[in-house]
Structure formats: structure tokens, C-alpha cells
Amino acid sequence: MLNKLSRYQIATFIAILFHTIGLTGILFFDNTSFIKATPFNLLVSALLLVWTQKEKNKYFYFFVAITCMVGFAAEVIGVNTGLLFGDYSYGKALGFQWQKVPLVIGINWFIVLYCCGICINTFLAKVIIRVATETKTPPQVLKAMSVIADGATLAVLFDWLIEPVAVKLGYWQWNGDGSIPLYNYICWVTISVLLLGIFHYFKFNKRNKFAINLLLIQMMFFLLLRTFLK
């Protein structure tokens, strides 16, 4: 049976299983243990994305490394200086920290931006060709604009979705009056545009069905938690 399943199907099954167990545990049982499993879940998700990536080359691995490092560095600057995102601090739920930032945060940046880039690249491919024909605009230009701008918008919407849940679960907290500043989303857009620009111009295969599935799974996971978590 397993021999007949594709990598995408196996990876999607694992992701659904892990997120279902986590959702059930957080909502209906002692959620402490399930929250502490978040770093493991993120690591597994990242490994599954790498496993399902077709035709892996040096540019793909460069993108993974750059995204993890830039994402982590941005968080270090943000937490320790307040120059990025705002006045916030991380709790202990996301595991081992360096410079007050969980190491797994870099991996999370890769997961979010890779999945958003893949989704936009896949869904807008046919639309871009049609619009390019009608407007006589080079499709490469339209594709770059769509992947970078729309991908960054999708990433920010994902961050907006998870913010209240993350605070309730103790992933991080906003200091001061506890409200999420607009500046947080401005920084998310800026950094996402930079990293999705690298995503677009680095030459590696930009099709991965599992990346689309994982983003949908994570969005549903956090949407349900946002709705029902007390």
C-alpha cells in the first residue's frame, strides 16, 4: 500500500496526523505537553517540505539556509532592541533559545515563506500568462511581482491568523498593553518581500503539492484554535 502512495500523500498524512493530535490535545486535554511538542512538529514539517521538494539543487538549499538565518536574525534584533516588529518577548514553549529567541523560529520562517511562495507560484501561473497576453507585459515581470507581493501578503495574513493563538499558548507575548502593533505587520511585509524575492529569482523547482497542503493544514489548525481556544 505504501509503495503506491506518493511522497506528497505520505507527507500530507503525517502532517494531518500531527496537527490533529496537537489540536485535540490542546483543546481537550492537558495542553502543556502538546504545546511543548511544537518545536518537534515544526522540525518534522520542515523536513517533510525538503523531502517532497523535487529536483533539489544548491539554490534550494541556499534559500532554506538564507531564510532560516535571516528570519532568526530579524527576531534577535526585534527581541533585543525593539527595532523590528515591536516590544515583545518569547516564552519557553518553543524550546531552546539563543539571544532570547527560540532556534526553531528560523525554521518557522522557512516553512511559512516557502509554502506561501509555492502557493502563489502555483495558483497564479495560468492567470499570469493570460494577463501578460492581454496587457502585453512580460510574464516574467508579472510573475515576479505576483510571487513577491502576493506571497508577502499571504505570509502576513498567516501571521495575523496565528498571533492571538500564539500569545494564548505562550509562544510569545507583546509587552506594554499587550496589543499587537501595526509595526509588526509592516516588518513582516518588508522581510517577506526580501526573502520571497530570493525565492523567486533562485532557480529551483517551485512546485510542491505538499507545501500547499501544509499551509492549508496549518491555517485550519490555527483558525480552529483561534475560534475555540479559551
Protein backbone atom coordinates (compact mmCIF):
# COMPACT_ATOMS: atom_id res chain seq x y z
CA MET A 1 0.00 0.00 0.00
CA LEU A 2 2.76 2.46 0.98
CA ASN A 3 4.54 1.74 -2.30
CA LYS A 4 1.52 3.11 -4.17
CA LEU A 5 1.39 6.36 -2.18
CA SER A 6 3.30 9.38 -3.40
CA ARG A 7 5.63 11.41 -1.22
CA TYR A 8 3.02 14.17 -1.21
CA GLN A 9 0.34 11.83 0.13
CA ILE A 10 2.57 10.34 2.82
CA ALA A 11 3.76 13.78 3.93
CA THR A 12 0.21 15.14 3.96
CA PHE A 13 -0.99 12.20 6.05
CA ILE A 14 1.79 12.77 8.59
CA ALA A 15 1.05 16.50 8.76
CA ILE A 16 -2.68 15.93 9.25
CA LEU A 17 -1.99 13.32 11.93
CA PHE A 18 0.40 15.54 13.88
CA HIS A 19 -1.81 18.63 13.69
CA THR A 20 -4.95 16.66 14.59
CA ILE A 21 -3.26 15.17 17.66
CA GLY A 22 -1.96 18.61 18.65
CA LEU A 23 -5.34 20.29 18.13
CA THR A 24 -7.18 17.62 20.12
CA GLY A 25 -4.64 17.70 22.94
CA ILE A 26 -4.61 21.48 23.24
CA LEU A 27 -8.39 21.85 23.18
CA PHE A 28 -9.50 18.85 25.25
CA PHE A 29 -6.62 17.66 27.44
CA ASP A 30 -3.74 19.00 29.49
CA ASN A 31 -2.27 21.17 26.80
CA THR A 32 1.16 21.71 28.39
CA SER A 33 2.76 18.61 26.86
CA PHE A 34 1.20 19.23 23.46
CA ILE A 35 2.37 22.85 23.38
CA LYS A 36 5.92 21.75 24.25
CA ALA A 37 5.81 19.44 21.22
CA THR A 38 5.53 22.44 18.87
CA PRO A 39 9.29 22.58 18.04
CA PHE A 40 9.21 18.90 17.08
CA ASN A 41 6.16 19.48 14.89
CA LEU A 42 7.85 22.40 13.14
CA LEU A 43 11.02 20.39 12.58
CA VAL A 44 9.06 17.46 11.10
CA SER A 45 7.12 19.84 8.85
CA ALA A 46 10.34 21.40 7.55
CA LEU A 47 11.91 18.00 6.90
CA LEU A 48 8.80 16.89 5.02
CA LEU A 49 8.97 20.01 2.86
CA VAL A 50 12.59 19.26 1.99
CA TRP A 51 11.74 15.59 1.36
CA THR A 52 8.93 16.46 -1.06
CA GLN A 53 10.89 19.15 -2.91
CA LYS A 54 11.58 17.99 -6.46
CA GLU A 55 14.99 18.29 -8.05
CA LYS A 56 16.77 19.69 -5.03
CA ASN A 57 19.79 21.76 -6.00
CA LYS A 58 22.18 24.21 -4.37
CA TYR A 59 19.83 27.14 -4.92
CA PHE A 60 17.07 25.41 -2.98
CA TYR A 61 19.40 24.69 -0.08
CA PHE A 62 20.72 28.25 -0.23
CA PHE A 63 17.15 29.53 0.05
CA VAL A 64 16.48 27.29 3.05
CA ALA A 65 19.67 28.46 4.79
CA ILE A 66 19.19 32.15 3.99
CA THR A 67 15.55 32.14 5.09
CA CYS A 68 16.33 30.44 8.38
CA MET A 69 19.26 32.74 9.14
CA VAL A 70 17.60 36.00 8.10
CA GLY A 71 14.37 35.10 9.91
CA PHE A 72 16.24 34.20 13.08
CA ALA A 73 18.48 37.28 12.90
CA ALA A 74 15.44 39.53 12.45
CA GLU A 75 13.87 38.03 15.56
CA VAL A 76 17.08 38.52 17.56
CA ILE A 77 17.13 42.19 16.56
CA GLY A 78 13.44 42.53 17.34
CA VAL A 79 13.52 40.91 20.78
CA ASN A 80 16.73 42.55 21.96
CA THR A 81 16.34 46.05 20.52
CA GLY A 82 12.69 46.57 19.56
CA LEU A 83 13.82 47.93 16.19
CA LEU A 84 11.85 45.21 14.37
CA PHE A 85 8.29 44.00 14.99
CA GLY A 86 7.83 45.88 18.27
CA ASP A 87 8.19 45.27 22.00
CA TYR A 88 7.79 41.53 22.52
CA SER A 89 9.45 38.54 24.14
CA TYR A 90 9.41 34.78 23.69
CA GLY A 91 8.16 32.28 26.25
CA LYS A 92 9.68 28.87 26.84
CA ALA A 93 7.12 26.88 24.83
CA LEU A 94 9.20 26.89 21.64
CA GLY A 95 12.22 25.24 23.18
CA PHE A 96 15.91 26.09 23.39
CA GLN A 97 16.77 29.76 22.93
CA TRP A 98 19.81 31.74 21.90
CA GLN A 99 19.85 35.51 22.39
CA LYS A 100 16.31 35.18 23.83
CA VAL A 101 14.98 33.69 20.57
CA PRO A 102 14.00 30.01 20.10
CA LEU A 103 16.21 28.35 17.49
CA VAL A 104 13.14 26.83 15.84
CA ILE A 105 11.92 30.30 14.81
CA GLY A 106 14.30 30.33 11.85
CA ILE A 107 12.77 27.06 10.68
CA ASN A 108 9.30 28.55 11.05
CA TRP A 109 10.27 31.44 8.77
CA PHE A 110 11.34 28.93 6.12
CA ILE A 111 8.10 26.95 6.42
CA VAL A 112 5.84 30.00 6.12
CA LEU A 113 7.64 31.73 3.26
CA TYR A 114 8.36 28.59 1.26
CA CYS A 115 4.73 27.48 1.48
CA CYS A 116 3.41 30.95 0.62
CA GLY A 117 5.81 31.25 -2.32
CA ILE A 118 4.86 27.83 -3.66
CA CYS A 119 1.13 28.55 -3.30
CA ILE A 120 1.24 31.85 -5.17
CA ASN A 121 3.58 30.48 -7.83
CA THR A 122 1.24 27.52 -8.44
CA PHE A 123 -2.15 29.22 -8.32
CA LEU A 124 -1.26 32.28 -10.39
CA ALA A 125 0.74 30.56 -13.13
CA LYS A 126 -2.12 30.39 -15.66
CA VAL A 127 -3.53 33.77 -14.66
CA ILE A 128 -0.17 35.45 -15.21
CA ILE A 129 0.09 34.09 -18.76
CA ARG A 130 -3.41 35.36 -19.59
CA VAL A 131 -2.83 38.82 -18.11
CA ALA A 132 0.57 39.09 -19.79
CA THR A 133 -1.06 38.40 -23.16
CA GLU A 134 -3.81 40.97 -22.58
CA THR A 135 -1.57 43.72 -21.21
CA LYS A 136 1.48 42.91 -23.34
CA THR A 137 3.55 42.86 -20.16
CA PRO A 138 6.43 40.37 -19.98
CA PRO A 139 5.19 37.36 -17.97
CA GLN A 140 8.48 37.25 -16.05
CA VAL A 141 7.78 40.72 -14.64
CA LEU A 142 4.21 39.88 -13.69
CA LYS A 143 5.29 36.61 -12.12
CA ALA A 144 7.97 38.30 -10.04
CA MET A 145 5.51 40.95 -8.85
CA SER A 146 2.85 38.35 -8.01
CA VAL A 147 5.09 35.89 -6.19
CA ILE A 148 6.83 38.59 -4.15
CA ALA A 149 3.90 40.92 -3.39
CA ASP A 150 1.10 38.37 -3.13
CA GLY A 151 3.31 35.87 -1.31
CA ALA A 152 4.27 38.52 1.25
CA THR A 153 0.60 39.44 1.70
CA LEU A 154 -0.30 35.80 2.27
CA ALA A 155 2.54 35.45 4.81
CA VAL A 156 1.30 38.50 6.72
CA LEU A 157 -2.27 37.18 6.73
CA PHE A 158 -0.94 33.92 8.16
CA ASP A 159 0.91 35.84 10.88
CA TRP A 160 -2.29 37.79 11.65
CA LEU A 161 -4.15 34.49 12.00
CA ILE A 162 -1.71 32.92 14.44
CA GLU A 163 -0.85 35.96 16.60
CA PRO A 164 -3.67 35.71 19.19
CA VAL A 165 -3.26 31.91 19.41
CA ALA A 166 0.50 32.17 19.86
CA VAL A 167 0.04 34.58 22.75
CA LYS A 168 -2.51 32.29 24.45
CA LEU A 169 -0.23 29.27 24.04
CA GLY A 170 2.75 31.12 25.47
CA TYR A 171 4.85 31.12 22.32
CA TRP A 172 5.48 34.85 22.73
CA GLN A 173 3.91 37.87 24.34
CA TRP A 174 3.57 41.54 23.48
CA ASN A 175 4.73 43.86 26.21
CA GLY A 176 3.13 47.12 27.19
CA ASP A 177 -0.66 46.89 26.92
CA GLY A 178 -0.39 43.51 25.16
CA SER A 179 -1.80 44.71 21.84
CA ILE A 180 -0.24 43.62 18.56
CA PRO A 181 1.31 46.69 16.90
CA LEU A 182 0.81 47.56 13.25
CA TYR A 183 4.59 47.84 13.06
CA ASN A 184 4.79 44.05 13.49
CA TYR A 185 2.94 43.51 10.21
CA ILE A 186 4.94 46.21 8.42
CA CYS A 187 8.14 44.39 9.36
CA TRP A 188 6.63 41.06 8.29
CA VAL A 189 5.80 42.52 4.87
CA THR A 190 9.26 44.02 4.44
CA ILE A 191 11.21 40.89 5.40
CA SER A 192 8.83 38.63 3.46
CA VAL A 193 9.29 40.71 0.30
CA LEU A 194 13.07 40.41 0.66
CA LEU A 195 13.05 36.64 1.19
CA LEU A 196 10.38 35.94 -1.44
CA GLY A 197 12.46 37.93 -3.89
CA ILE A 198 15.24 35.43 -3.23
CA PHE A 199 12.70 32.61 -3.55
CA HIS A 200 11.61 33.83 -6.96
CA TYR A 201 14.99 34.55 -8.50
CA PHE A 202 16.80 31.47 -7.20
CA LYS A 203 16.47 28.78 -9.83
CA PHE A 204 14.90 25.69 -8.30
CA ASN A 205 11.65 23.77 -8.85
CA LYS A 206 8.75 25.85 -7.49
CA ARG A 207 6.08 23.13 -7.49
CA ASN A 208 5.32 21.15 -4.34
CA LYS A 209 1.79 19.90 -3.67
CA PHE A 210 2.65 19.15 -0.05
CA ALA A 211 3.66 22.78 0.59
CA ILE A 212 0.16 23.86 -0.45
CA ASN A 213 -1.42 21.16 1.70
CA LEU A 214 0.72 22.05 4.71
CA LEU A 215 -0.19 25.73 4.54
CA LEU A 216 -3.89 24.84 4.40
CA ILE A 217 -3.48 22.39 7.30
CA GLN A 218 -1.70 24.98 9.43
CA MET A 219 -4.24 27.68 8.60
CA MET A 220 -7.10 25.37 9.58
CA PHE A 221 -5.23 24.36 12.75
CA PHE A 222 -4.79 27.96 13.91
CA LEU A 223 -8.25 29.02 12.74
CA LEU A 224 -9.85 26.32 14.90
CA LEU A 225 -7.65 27.24 17.85
CA ARG A 226 -8.45 30.93 17.37
CA THR A 227 -12.14 30.08 17.37
CA PHE A 228 -12.35 27.58 20.23
CA LEU A 229 -9.30 28.08 22.47
CA LYS A 230 -10.27 29.73 25.74
